[in-house]
Amino acid sequence: MRKIAILTAIFALTAVPALALETGISYGAYTDLGTRDLREGIMQIITVLLGFLGIVAIIVILWGGFRWLTSGGNEEKVGEAKKILASGLVGLIIIFTAYAIANFVITQLLSATGAA
């Protein structure tokens, strides 16, 4: 059993150079994956996701306003509506802050690496 393990290890280690492939610098041109910078793609994904979350936060704020409007002066319902409004507002602030931080980091990465 030990001989089989040793022979397998030897064959596996000697096969690694045979599996190597000369790719060169222009390898990406033949993959049909696009020519866009990865950092820009990541920023686009972050922008779309945070935009979607912003829409959700606005819907939560509108829902809280609707609940307040339809509370009929009931203090318990008004309190719940205020909590919903506050939660939506805090969420919106967090989303704007996350976008600002992500935009700053990606911009600094692009300028530091000379890609911008």
PDB file of N, CA and C in Angstrom:
ATOM      1  N   MET A   1       0.822  -1.183   0.000  1.00  0.00           N
ATOM      2  CA  MET A   1       0.000   0.000   0.000  1.00  0.00           C
ATOM      3  C   MET A   1       0.871   1.253   0.000  1.00  0.00           C
ATOM      4  N   ARG A   2       1.953   1.178   0.755  1.00  0.00           N
ATOM      5  CA  ARG A   2       2.839   2.320   0.834  1.00  0.00           C
ATOM      6  C   ARG A   2       3.528   2.561  -0.511  1.00  0.00           C
ATOM      7  N   LYS A   3       3.871   1.482  -1.215  1.00  0.00           N
ATOM      8  CA  LYS A   3       4.512   1.622  -2.525  1.00  0.00           C
ATOM      9  C   LYS A   3       3.567   2.295  -3.513  1.00  0.00           C
ATOM     10  N   ILE A   4       2.291   1.955  -3.446  1.00  0.00           N
ATOM     11  CA  ILE A   4       1.312   2.563  -4.353  1.00  0.00           C
ATOM     12  C   ILE A   4       1.189   4.059  -4.069  1.00  0.00           C
ATOM     13  N   ALA A   5       1.203   4.422  -2.784  1.00  0.00           N
ATOM     14  CA  ALA A   5       1.101   5.833  -2.416  1.00  0.00           C
ATOM     15  C   ALA A   5       2.328   6.605  -2.892  1.00  0.00           C
ATOM     16  N   ILE A   6       3.500   6.010  -2.747  1.00  0.00           N
ATOM     17  CA  ILE A   6       4.732   6.672  -3.189  1.00  0.00           C
ATOM     18  C   ILE A   6       4.744   6.823  -4.704  1.00  0.00           C
ATOM     19  N   LEU A   7       4.383   5.764  -5.425  1.00  0.00           N
ATOM     20  CA  LEU A   7       4.350   5.839  -6.886  1.00  0.00           C
ATOM     21  C   LEU A   7       3.313   6.855  -7.377  1.00  0.00           C
ATOM     22  N   THR A   8       2.172   6.906  -6.720  1.00  0.00           N
ATOM     23  CA  THR A   8       1.147   7.881  -7.097  1.00  0.00           C
ATOM     24  C   THR A   8       1.656   9.297  -6.880  1.00  0.00           C
ATOM     25  N   ALA A   9       2.335   9.530  -5.761  1.00  0.00           N
ATOM     26  CA  ALA A   9       2.882  10.856  -5.481  1.00  0.00           C
ATOM     27  C   ALA A   9       3.945  11.234  -6.501  1.00  0.00           C
ATOM     28  N   ILE A  10       4.801  10.298  -6.867  1.00  0.00           N
ATOM     29  CA  ILE A  10       5.850  10.578  -7.852  1.00  0.00           C
ATOM     30  C   ILE A  10       5.238  10.910  -9.203  1.00  0.00           C
ATOM     31  N   PHE A  11       4.271  10.119  -9.641  1.00  0.00           N
ATOM     32  CA  PHE A  11       3.633  10.386 -10.936  1.00  0.00           C
ATOM     33  C   PHE A  11       2.863  11.707 -10.923  1.00  0.00           C
ATOM     34  N   ALA A  12       2.232  12.008  -9.800  1.00  0.00           N
ATOM     35  CA  ALA A  12       1.478  13.265  -9.713  1.00  0.00           C
ATOM     36  C   ALA A  12       2.418  14.461  -9.765  1.00  0.00           C
ATOM     37  N   LEU A  13       3.558  14.365  -9.085  1.00  0.00           N
ATOM     38  CA  LEU A  13       4.502  15.480  -9.078  1.00  0.00           C
ATOM     39  C   LEU A  13       5.213  15.645 -10.414  1.00  0.00           C
ATOM     40  N   THR A  14       5.438  14.559 -11.120  1.00  0.00           N
ATOM     41  CA  THR A  14       6.099  14.685 -12.416  1.00  0.00           C
ATOM     42  C   THR A  14       5.126  15.123 -13.502  1.00  0.00           C
ATOM     43  N   ALA A  15       3.843  14.985 -13.275  1.00  0.00           N
ATOM     44  CA  ALA A  15       2.864  15.382 -14.282  1.00  0.00           C
ATOM     45  C   ALA A  15       2.561  16.874 -14.241  1.00  0.00           C
ATOM     46  N   VAL A  16       2.901  17.552 -13.157  1.00  0.00           N
ATOM     47  CA  VAL A  16       2.578  18.975 -13.020  1.00  0.00           C
ATOM     48  C   VAL A  16       3.203  19.816 -14.133  1.00  0.00           C
ATOM     49  N   PRO A  17       4.499  19.671 -14.471  1.00  0.00           N
ATOM     50  CA  PRO A  17       5.037  20.484 -15.567  1.00  0.00           C
ATOM     51  C   PRO A  17       4.379  20.190 -16.913  1.00  0.00           C
ATOM     52  N   ALA A  18       3.904  18.981 -17.098  1.00  0.00           N
ATOM     53  CA  ALA A  18       3.249  18.649 -18.363  1.00  0.00           C
ATOM     54  C   ALA A  18       1.907  19.352 -18.494  1.00  0.00           C
ATOM     55  N   LEU A  19       1.298  19.686 -17.368  1.00  0.00           N
ATOM     56  CA  LEU A  19       0.010  20.368 -17.392  1.00  0.00           C
ATOM     57  C   LEU A  19       0.147  21.883 -17.483  1.00  0.00           C
ATOM     58  N   ALA A  20       1.368  22.394 -17.350  1.00  0.00           N
ATOM     59  CA  ALA A  20       1.578  23.838 -17.432  1.00  0.00           C
ATOM     60  C   ALA A  20       1.318  24.311 -18.853  1.00  0.00           C
ATOM     61  N   LEU A  21       0.831  25.535 -18.948  1.00  0.00           N
ATOM     62  CA  LEU A  21       0.462  26.078 -20.246  1.00  0.00           C
ATOM     63  C   LEU A  21       1.057  27.464 -20.389  1.00  0.00           C
ATOM     64  N   GLU A  22       1.683  27.715 -21.497  1.00  0.00           N
ATOM     65  CA  GLU A  22       2.224  29.040 -21.782  1.00  0.00           C
ATOM     66  C   GLU A  22       1.061  29.944 -22.158  1.00  0.00           C
ATOM     67  N   THR A  23       0.731  30.856 -21.272  1.00  0.00           N
ATOM     68  CA  THR A  23      -0.422  31.715 -21.539  1.00  0.00           C
ATOM     69  C   THR A  23      -0.008  33.064 -22.092  1.00  0.00           C
ATOM     70  N   GLY A  24       1.075  33.604 -21.610  1.00  0.00           N
ATOM     71  CA  GLY A  24       1.509  34.905 -22.091  1.00  0.00           C
ATOM     72  C   GLY A  24       0.650  36.030 -21.537  1.00  0.00           C
ATOM     73  N   ILE A  25       0.983  37.236 -21.943  1.00  0.00           N
ATOM     74  CA  ILE A  25       0.283  38.415 -21.432  1.00  0.00           C
ATOM     75  C   ILE A  25      -1.083  38.576 -22.078  1.00  0.00           C
ATOM     76  N   SER A  26      -1.217  38.212 -23.316  1.00  0.00           N
ATOM     77  CA  SER A  26      -2.468  38.460 -24.038  1.00  0.00           C
ATOM     78  C   SER A  26      -3.459  37.307 -23.916  1.00  0.00           C
ATOM     79  N   TYR A  27      -3.335  36.506 -22.887  1.00  0.00           N
ATOM     80  CA  TYR A  27      -4.225  35.360 -22.719  1.00  0.00           C
ATOM     81  C   TYR A  27      -5.678  35.791 -22.564  1.00  0.00           C
ATOM     82  N   GLY A  28      -5.909  36.903 -21.877  1.00  0.00           N
ATOM     83  CA  GLY A  28      -7.269  37.372 -21.642  1.00  0.00           C
ATOM     84  C   GLY A  28      -7.999  37.756 -22.908  1.00  0.00           C
ATOM     85  N   ALA A  29      -7.280  38.095 -23.961  1.00  0.00           N
ATOM     86  CA  ALA A  29      -7.930  38.504 -25.208  1.00  0.00           C
ATOM     87  C   ALA A  29      -8.638  37.338 -25.880  1.00  0.00           C
ATOM     88  N   TYR A  30      -8.229  36.126 -25.587  1.00  0.00           N
ATOM     89  CA  TYR A  30      -8.804  34.956 -26.243  1.00  0.00           C
ATOM     90  C   TYR A  30      -9.909  34.287 -25.427  1.00  0.00           C
ATOM     91  N   THR A  31     -10.221  34.828 -24.260  1.00  0.00           N
ATOM     92  CA  THR A  31     -11.213  34.187 -23.395  1.00  0.00           C
ATOM     93  C   THR A  31     -12.621  34.717 -23.604  1.00  0.00           C
ATOM     94  N   ASP A  32     -12.794  35.785 -24.330  1.00  0.00           N
ATOM     95  CA  ASP A  32     -14.093  36.419 -24.562  1.00  0.00           C
ATOM     96  C   ASP A  32     -14.772  36.841 -23.265  1.00  0.00           C
ATOM     97  N   LEU A  33     -13.984  37.269 -22.290  1.00  0.00           N
ATOM     98  CA  LEU A  33     -14.543  37.701 -21.018  1.00  0.00           C
ATOM     99  C   LEU A  33     -14.696  39.212 -20.926  1.00  0.00           C
ATOM    100  N   GLY A  34     -14.265  39.940 -21.905  1.00  0.00           N
ATOM    101  CA  GLY A  34     -14.371  41.390 -21.868  1.00  0.00           C
ATOM    102  C   GLY A  34     -13.052  42.028 -21.492  1.00  0.00           C
ATOM    103  N   THR A  35     -12.977  43.314 -21.710  1.00  0.00           N
ATOM    104  CA  THR A  35     -11.735  44.034 -21.458  1.00  0.00           C
ATOM    105  C   THR A  35     -11.857  44.999 -20.295  1.00  0.00           C
ATOM    106  N   ARG A  36     -12.934  44.932 -19.562  1.00  0.00           N
ATOM    107  CA  ARG A  36     -13.166  45.855 -18.468  1.00  0.00           C
ATOM    108  C   ARG A  36     -12.303  45.488 -17.266  1.00  0.00           C
ATOM    109  N   ASP A  37     -11.887  46.507 -16.521  1.00  0.00           N
ATOM    110  CA  ASP A  37     -11.088  46.293 -15.327  1.00  0.00           C
ATOM    111  C   ASP A  37     -11.956  45.660 -14.234  1.00  0.00           C
ATOM    112  N   LEU A  38     -11.392  44.749 -13.486  1.00  0.00           N
ATOM    113  CA  LEU A  38     -12.136  44.038 -12.451  1.00  0.00           C
ATOM    114  C   LEU A  38     -12.667  44.996 -11.391  1.00  0.00           C
ATOM    115  N   ARG A  39     -11.870  45.991 -11.028  1.00  0.00           N
ATOM    116  CA  ARG A  39     -12.307  46.939  -9.995  1.00  0.00           C
ATOM    117  C   ARG A  39     -13.524  47.728 -10.444  1.00  0.00           C
ATOM    118  N   GLU A  40     -13.554  48.086 -11.722  1.00  0.00           N
ATOM    119  CA  GLU A  40     -14.717  48.804 -12.246  1.00  0.00           C
ATOM    120  C   GLU A  40     -15.948  47.906 -12.249  1.00  0.00           C
ATOM    121  N   GLY A  41     -15.763  46.646 -12.555  1.00  0.00           N
ATOM    122  CA  GLY A  41     -16.874  45.697 -12.518  1.00  0.00           C
ATOM    123  C   GLY A  41     -17.415  45.513 -11.112  1.00  0.00           C
ATOM    124  N   ILE A  42     -16.507  45.431 -10.142  1.00  0.00           N
ATOM    125  CA  ILE A  42     -16.926  45.301  -8.750  1.00  0.00           C
ATOM    126  C   ILE A  42     -17.692  46.543  -8.310  1.00  0.00           C
ATOM    127  N   MET A  43     -17.213  47.723  -8.710  1.00  0.00           N
ATOM    128  CA  MET A  43     -17.915  48.955  -8.347  1.00  0.00           C
ATOM    129  C   MET A  43     -19.297  48.998  -8.982  1.00  0.00           C
ATOM    130  N   GLN A  44     -19.428  48.499 -10.189  1.00  0.00           N
ATOM    131  CA  GLN A  44     -20.739  48.461 -10.845  1.00  0.00           C
ATOM    132  C   GLN A  44     -21.695  47.541 -10.085  1.00  0.00           C
ATOM    133  N   ILE A  45     -21.197  46.391  -9.646  1.00  0.00           N
ATOM    134  CA  ILE A  45     -22.027  45.462  -8.869  1.00  0.00           C
ATOM    135  C   ILE A  45     -22.451  46.100  -7.551  1.00  0.00           C
ATOM    136  N   ILE A  46     -21.505  46.757  -6.860  1.00  0.00           N
ATOM    137  CA  ILE A  46     -21.824  47.424  -5.599  1.00  0.00           C
ATOM    138  C   ILE A  46     -22.864  48.511  -5.821  1.00  0.00           C
ATOM    139  N   THR A  47     -22.722  49.283  -6.893  1.00  0.00           N
ATOM    140  CA  THR A  47     -23.672  50.350  -7.186  1.00  0.00           C
ATOM    141  C   THR A  47     -25.075  49.798  -7.415  1.00  0.00           C
ATOM    142  N   VAL A  48     -25.176  48.725  -8.167  1.00  0.00           N
ATOM    143  CA  VAL A  48     -26.494  48.134  -8.437  1.00  0.00           C
ATOM    144  C   VAL A  48     -27.115  47.591  -7.151  1.00  0.00           C
ATOM    145  N   LEU A  49     -26.319  46.870  -6.351  1.00  0.00           N
ATOM    146  CA  LEU A  49     -26.852  46.304  -5.108  1.00  0.00           C
ATOM    147  C   LEU A  49     -27.283  47.391  -4.130  1.00  0.00           C
ATOM    148  N   LEU A  50     -26.455  48.429  -3.978  1.00  0.00           N
ATOM    149  CA  LEU A  50     -26.827  49.499  -3.060  1.00  0.00           C
ATOM    150  C   LEU A  50     -28.001  50.306  -3.595  1.00  0.00           C
ATOM    151  N   GLY A  51     -28.119  50.420  -4.907  1.00  0.00           N
ATOM    152  CA  GLY A  51     -29.289  51.073  -5.487  1.00  0.00           C
ATOM    153  C   GLY A  51     -30.559  50.303  -5.180  1.00  0.00           C
ATOM    154  N   PHE A  52     -30.484  48.983  -5.300  1.00  0.00           N
ATOM    155  CA  PHE A  52     -31.637  48.144  -4.958  1.00  0.00           C
ATOM    156  C   PHE A  52     -31.990  48.288  -3.484  1.00  0.00           C
ATOM    157  N   LEU A  53     -30.979  48.285  -2.613  1.00  0.00           N
ATOM    158  CA  LEU A  53     -31.239  48.448  -1.185  1.00  0.00           C
ATOM    159  C   LEU A  53     -31.812  49.827  -0.876  1.00  0.00           C
ATOM    160  N   GLY A  54     -31.388  50.846  -1.626  1.00  0.00           N
ATOM    161  CA  GLY A  54     -31.952  52.182  -1.455  1.00  0.00           C
ATOM    162  C   GLY A  54     -33.426  52.210  -1.800  1.00  0.00           C
ATOM    163  N   ILE A  55     -33.795  51.511  -2.856  1.00  0.00           N
ATOM    164  CA  ILE A  55     -35.212  51.425  -3.231  1.00  0.00           C
ATOM    165  C   ILE A  55     -36.005  50.736  -2.121  1.00  0.00           C
ATOM    166  N   VAL A  56     -35.442  49.680  -1.554  1.00  0.00           N
ATOM    167  CA  VAL A  56     -36.118  48.982  -0.454  1.00  0.00           C
ATOM    168  C   VAL A  56     -36.283  49.914   0.749  1.00  0.00           C
ATOM    169  N   ALA A  57     -35.244  50.700   1.062  1.00  0.00           N
ATOM    170  CA  ALA A  57     -35.331  51.626   2.195  1.00  0.00           C
ATOM    171  C   ALA A  57     -36.391  52.696   1.948  1.00  0.00           C
ATOM    172  N   ILE A  58     -36.487  53.196   0.726  1.00  0.00           N
ATOM    173  CA  ILE A  58     -37.518  54.189   0.398  1.00  0.00           C
ATOM    174  C   ILE A  58     -38.905  53.571   0.546  1.00  0.00           C
ATOM    175  N   ILE A  59     -39.064  52.327   0.127  1.00  0.00           N
ATOM    176  CA  ILE A  59     -40.358  51.647   0.274  1.00  0.00           C
ATOM    177  C   ILE A  59     -40.706  51.489   1.756  1.00  0.00           C
ATOM    178  N   VAL A  60     -39.707  51.180   2.589  1.00  0.00           N
ATOM    179  CA  VAL A  60     -39.950  51.062   4.032  1.00  0.00           C
ATOM    180  C   VAL A  60     -40.383  52.410   4.604  1.00  0.00           C
ATOM    181  N   ILE A  61     -39.738  53.490   4.181  1.00  0.00           N
ATOM    182  CA  ILE A  61     -40.121  54.826   4.647  1.00  0.00           C
ATOM    183  C   ILE A  61     -41.544  55.157   4.209  1.00  0.00           C
ATOM    184  N   LEU A  62     -41.864  54.861   2.965  1.00  0.00           N
ATOM    185  CA  LEU A  62     -43.228  55.107   2.484  1.00  0.00           C
ATOM    186  C   LEU A  62     -44.245  54.263   3.250  1.00  0.00           C
ATOM    187  N   TRP A  63     -43.888  53.021   3.554  1.00  0.00           N
ATOM    188  CA  TRP A  63     -44.788  52.156   4.315  1.00  0.00           C
ATOM    189  C   TRP A  63     -45.019  52.733   5.718  1.00  0.00           C
ATOM    190  N   GLY A  64     -43.950  53.231   6.341  1.00  0.00           N
ATOM    191  CA  GLY A  64     -44.098  53.860   7.656  1.00  0.00           C
ATOM    192  C   GLY A  64     -44.983  55.094   7.594  1.00  0.00           C
ATOM    193  N   GLY A  65     -44.828  55.892   6.545  1.00  0.00           N
ATOM    194  CA  GLY A  65     -45.691  57.061   6.370  1.00  0.00           C
ATOM    195  C   GLY A  65     -47.139  56.668   6.156  1.00  0.00           C
ATOM    196  N   PHE A  66     -47.360  55.621   5.384  1.00  0.00           N
ATOM    197  CA  PHE A  66     -48.722  55.136   5.151  1.00  0.00           C
ATOM    198  C   PHE A  66     -49.345  54.634   6.448  1.00  0.00           C
ATOM    199  N   ARG A  67     -48.545  53.917   7.234  1.00  0.00           N
ATOM    200  CA  ARG A  67     -49.056  53.414   8.519  1.00  0.00           C
ATOM    201  C   ARG A  67     -49.410  54.567   9.454  1.00  0.00           C
ATOM    202  N   TRP A  68     -48.596  55.625   9.426  1.00  0.00           N
ATOM    203  CA  TRP A  68     -48.867  56.779  10.271  1.00  0.00           C
ATOM    204  C   TRP A  68     -50.150  57.475   9.810  1.00  0.00           C
ATOM    205  N   LEU A  69     -50.299  57.604   8.493  1.00  0.00           N
ATOM    206  CA  LEU A  69     -51.486  58.253   7.943  1.00  0.00           C
ATOM    207  C   LEU A  69     -52.757  57.493   8.287  1.00  0.00           C
ATOM    208  N   THR A  70     -52.685  56.183   8.261  1.00  0.00           N
ATOM    209  CA  THR A  70     -53.878  55.365   8.499  1.00  0.00           C
ATOM    210  C   THR A  70     -54.028  54.954   9.960  1.00  0.00           C
ATOM    211  N   SER A  71     -53.226  55.526  10.846  1.00  0.00           N
ATOM    212  CA  SER A  71     -53.304  55.140  12.257  1.00  0.00           C
ATOM    213  C   SER A  71     -54.558  55.676  12.935  1.00  0.00           C
ATOM    214  N   GLY A  72     -55.127  56.718  12.402  1.00  0.00           N
ATOM    215  CA  GLY A  72     -56.357  57.262  12.977  1.00  0.00           C
ATOM    216  C   GLY A  72     -56.157  57.881  14.347  1.00  0.00           C
ATOM    217  N   GLY A  73     -54.954  58.324  14.651  1.00  0.00           N
ATOM    218  CA  GLY A  73     -54.690  58.957  15.938  1.00  0.00           C
ATOM    219  C   GLY A  73     -54.394  57.982  17.058  1.00  0.00           C
ATOM    220  N   ASN A  74     -54.416  56.692  16.787  1.00  0.00           N
ATOM    221  CA  ASN A  74     -54.101  55.683  17.794  1.00  0.00           C
ATOM    222  C   ASN A  74     -52.607  55.773  18.114  1.00  0.00           C
ATOM    223  N   GLU A  75     -52.302  56.054  19.386  1.00  0.00           N
ATOM    224  CA  GLU A  75     -50.906  56.276  19.788  1.00  0.00           C
ATOM    225  C   GLU A  75     -50.035  55.038  19.575  1.00  0.00           C
ATOM    226  N   GLU A  76     -50.600  53.869  19.751  1.00  0.00           N
ATOM    227  CA  GLU A  76     -49.828  52.636  19.560  1.00  0.00           C
ATOM    228  C   GLU A  76     -49.425  52.476  18.095  1.00  0.00           C
ATOM    229  N   LYS A  77     -50.372  52.724  17.200  1.00  0.00           N
ATOM    230  CA  LYS A  77     -50.079  52.613  15.766  1.00  0.00           C
ATOM    231  C   LYS A  77     -49.137  53.720  15.306  1.00  0.00           C
ATOM    232  N   VAL A  78     -49.287  54.918  15.874  1.00  0.00           N
ATOM    233  CA  VAL A  78     -48.381  56.019  15.536  1.00  0.00           C
ATOM    234  C   VAL A  78     -46.963  55.676  15.986  1.00  0.00           C
ATOM    235  N   GLY A  79     -46.835  55.076  17.166  1.00  0.00           N
ATOM    236  CA  GLY A  79     -45.515  54.665  17.658  1.00  0.00           C
ATOM    237  C   GLY A  79     -44.871  53.623  16.754  1.00  0.00           C
ATOM    238  N   GLU A  80     -45.665  52.655  16.297  1.00  0.00           N
ATOM    239  CA  GLU A  80     -45.137  51.651  15.367  1.00  0.00           C
ATOM    240  C   GLU A  80     -44.709  52.292  14.054  1.00  0.00           C
ATOM    241  N   ALA A  81     -45.519  53.227  13.568  1.00  0.00           N
ATOM    242  CA  ALA A  81     -45.190  53.903  12.311  1.00  0.00           C
ATOM    243  C   ALA A  81     -43.909  54.713  12.449  1.00  0.00           C
ATOM    244  N   LYS A  82     -43.727  55.373  13.589  1.00  0.00           N
ATOM    245  CA  LYS A  82     -42.500  56.144  13.815  1.00  0.00           C
ATOM    246  C   LYS A  82     -41.279  55.226  13.847  1.00  0.00           C
ATOM    247  N   LYS A  83     -41.435  54.040  14.442  1.00  0.00           N
ATOM    248  CA  LYS A  83     -40.324  53.078  14.468  1.00  0.00           C
ATOM    249  C   LYS A  83     -39.976  52.617  13.052  1.00  0.00           C
ATOM    250  N   ILE A  84     -41.000  52.382  12.237  1.00  0.00           N
ATOM    251  CA  ILE A  84     -40.759  51.964  10.849  1.00  0.00           C
ATOM    252  C   ILE A  84     -40.059  53.080  10.081  1.00  0.00           C
ATOM    253  N   LEU A  85     -40.532  54.329  10.269  1.00  0.00           N
ATOM    254  CA  LEU A  85     -39.897  55.471   9.599  1.00  0.00           C
ATOM    255  C   LEU A  85     -38.444  55.626  10.033  1.00  0.00           C
ATOM    256  N   ALA A  86     -38.191  55.508  11.326  1.00  0.00           N
ATOM    257  CA  ALA A  86     -36.827  55.644  11.831  1.00  0.00           C
ATOM    258  C   ALA A  86     -35.931  54.534  11.284  1.00  0.00           C
ATOM    259  N   SER A  87     -36.458  53.325  11.229  1.00  0.00           N
ATOM    260  CA  SER A  87     -35.670  52.206  10.694  1.00  0.00           C
ATOM    261  C   SER A  87     -35.329  52.428   9.225  1.00  0.00           C
ATOM    262  N   GLY A  88     -36.303  52.885   8.450  1.00  0.00           N
ATOM    263  CA  GLY A  88     -36.052  53.167   7.039  1.00  0.00           C
ATOM    264  C   GLY A  88     -35.038  54.272   6.849  1.00  0.00           C
ATOM    265  N   LEU A  89     -35.121  55.310   7.690  1.00  0.00           N
ATOM    266  CA  LEU A  89     -34.180  56.425   7.586  1.00  0.00           C
ATOM    267  C   LEU A  89     -32.765  55.995   7.960  1.00  0.00           C
ATOM    268  N   VAL A  90     -32.642  55.211   9.027  1.00  0.00           N
ATOM    269  CA  VAL A  90     -31.324  54.702   9.425  1.00  0.00           C
ATOM    270  C   VAL A  90     -30.756  53.804   8.327  1.00  0.00           C
ATOM    271  N   GLY A  91     -31.597  52.960   7.749  1.00  0.00           N
ATOM    272  CA  GLY A  91     -31.149  52.107   6.650  1.00  0.00           C
ATOM    273  C   GLY A  91     -30.665  52.914   5.464  1.00  0.00           C
ATOM    274  N   LEU A  92     -31.384  53.983   5.142  1.00  0.00           N
ATOM    275  CA  LEU A  92     -30.988  54.837   4.022  1.00  0.00           C
ATOM    276  C   LEU A  92     -29.655  55.527   4.298  1.00  0.00           C
ATOM    277  N   ILE A  93     -29.455  55.973   5.523  1.00  0.00           N
ATOM    278  CA  ILE A  93     -28.182  56.603   5.890  1.00  0.00           C
ATOM    279  C   ILE A  93     -27.047  55.590   5.789  1.00  0.00           C
ATOM    280  N   ILE A  94     -27.276  54.371   6.249  1.00  0.00           N
ATOM    281  CA  ILE A  94     -26.250  53.322   6.161  1.00  0.00           C
ATOM    282  C   ILE A  94     -25.920  53.014   4.704  1.00  0.00           C
ATOM    283  N   ILE A  95     -26.932  52.973   3.856  1.00  0.00           N
ATOM    284  CA  ILE A  95     -26.713  52.677   2.434  1.00  0.00           C
ATOM    285  C   ILE A  95     -25.902  53.784   1.776  1.00  0.00           C
ATOM    286  N   PHE A  96     -26.242  55.050   2.053  1.00  0.00           N
ATOM    287  CA  PHE A  96     -25.481  56.164   1.481  1.00  0.00           C
ATOM    288  C   PHE A  96     -24.036  56.149   1.969  1.00  0.00           C
ATOM    289  N   THR A  97     -23.847  55.846   3.250  1.00  0.00           N
ATOM    290  CA  THR A  97     -22.491  55.779   3.798  1.00  0.00           C
ATOM    291  C   THR A  97     -21.703  54.631   3.165  1.00  0.00           C
ATOM    292  N   ALA A  98     -22.338  53.485   2.997  1.00  0.00           N
ATOM    293  CA  ALA A  98     -21.663  52.341   2.369  1.00  0.00           C
ATOM    294  C   ALA A  98     -21.264  52.670   0.937  1.00  0.00           C
ATOM    295  N   TYR A  99     -22.139  53.365   0.211  1.00  0.00           N
ATOM    296  CA  TYR A  99     -21.804  53.745  -1.160  1.00  0.00           C
ATOM    297  C   TYR A  99     -20.628  54.717  -1.176  1.00  0.00           C
ATOM    298  N   ALA A 100     -20.647  55.687  -0.273  1.00  0.00           N
ATOM    299  CA  ALA A 100     -19.556  56.663  -0.233  1.00  0.00           C
ATOM    300  C   ALA A 100     -18.226  55.986   0.085  1.00  0.00           C
ATOM    301  N   ILE A 101     -18.237  55.072   1.036  1.00  0.00           N
ATOM    302  CA  ILE A 101     -17.002  54.365   1.399  1.00  0.00           C
ATOM    303  C   ILE A 101     -16.527  53.489   0.246  1.00  0.00           C
ATOM    304  N   ALA A 102     -17.426  52.738  -0.360  1.00  0.00           N
ATOM    305  CA  ALA A 102     -17.045  51.861  -1.474  1.00  0.00           C
ATOM    306  C   ALA A 102     -16.524  52.673  -2.651  1.00  0.00           C
ATOM    307  N   ASN A 103     -17.187  53.773  -2.961  1.00  0.00           N
ATOM    308  CA  ASN A 103     -16.746  54.625  -4.061  1.00  0.00           C
ATOM    309  C   ASN A 103     -15.366  55.210  -3.773  1.00  0.00           C
ATOM    310  N   PHE A 104     -15.138  55.651  -2.539  1.00  0.00           N
ATOM    311  CA  PHE A 104     -13.842  56.208  -2.166  1.00  0.00           C
ATOM    312  C   PHE A 104     -12.742  55.156  -2.278  1.00  0.00           C
ATOM    313  N   VAL A 105     -12.998  53.962  -1.752  1.00  0.00           N
ATOM    314  CA  VAL A 105     -11.977  52.907  -1.770  1.00  0.00           C
ATOM    315  C   VAL A 105     -11.636  52.502  -3.200  1.00  0.00           C
ATOM    316  N   ILE A 106     -12.641  52.289  -4.030  1.00  0.00           N
ATOM    317  CA  ILE A 106     -12.387  51.878  -5.411  1.00  0.00           C
ATOM    318  C   ILE A 106     -11.675  52.985  -6.177  1.00  0.00           C
ATOM    319  N   THR A 107     -12.082  54.240  -5.967  1.00  0.00           N
ATOM    320  CA  THR A 107     -11.417  55.356  -6.647  1.00  0.00           C
ATOM    321  C   THR A 107      -9.956  55.450  -6.232  1.00  0.00           C
ATOM    322  N   GLN A 108      -9.690  55.287  -4.941  1.00  0.00           N
ATOM    323  CA  GLN A 108      -8.307  55.341  -4.472  1.00  0.00           C
ATOM    324  C   GLN A 108      -7.490  54.167  -5.005  1.00  0.00           C
ATOM    325  N   LEU A 109      -8.100  52.990  -5.095  1.00  0.00           N
ATOM    326  CA  LEU A 109      -7.393  51.843  -5.669  1.00  0.00           C
ATOM    327  C   LEU A 109      -7.063  52.082  -7.137  1.00  0.00           C
ATOM    328  N   LEU A 110      -8.016  52.632  -7.862  1.00  0.00           N
ATOM    329  CA  LEU A 110      -7.781  52.894  -9.281  1.00  0.00           C
ATOM    330  C   LEU A 110      -6.683  53.931  -9.479  1.00  0.00           C
ATOM    331  N   SER A 111      -6.694  54.980  -8.668  1.00  0.00           N
ATOM    332  CA  SER A 111      -5.677  56.020  -8.846  1.00  0.00           C
ATOM    333  C   SER A 111      -4.311  55.559  -8.331  1.00  0.00           C
ATOM    334  N   ALA A 112      -4.285  54.728  -7.283  1.00  0.00           N
ATOM    335  CA  ALA A 112      -3.010  54.262  -6.736  1.00  0.00           C
ATOM    336  C   ALA A 112      -2.317  53.275  -7.667  1.00  0.00           C
ATOM    337  N   THR A 113      -3.096  52.507  -8.401  1.00  0.00           N
ATOM    338  CA  THR A 113      -2.498  51.529  -9.299  1.00  0.00           C
ATOM    339  C   THR A 113      -2.304  52.071 -10.708  1.00  0.00           C
ATOM    340  N   GLY A 114      -2.696  53.308 -10.922  1.00  0.00           N
ATOM    341  CA  GLY A 114      -2.494  53.924 -12.229  1.00  0.00           C
ATOM    342  C   GLY A 114      -3.500  53.508 -13.271  1.00  0.00           C
ATOM    343  N   ALA A 115      -4.606  52.928 -12.857  1.00  0.00           N
ATOM    344  CA  ALA A 115      -5.605  52.474 -13.821  1.00  0.00           C
ATOM    345  C   ALA A 115      -6.572  53.579 -14.206  1.00  0.00           C
ATOM    346  N   ALA A 116      -6.647  54.628 -13.393  1.00  0.00           N
ATOM    347  CA  ALA A 116      -7.614  55.699 -13.682  1.00  0.00           C
ATOM    348  C   ALA A 116      -7.014  56.778 -14.541  1.00  0.00           C
TER     349      ALA A 116
END
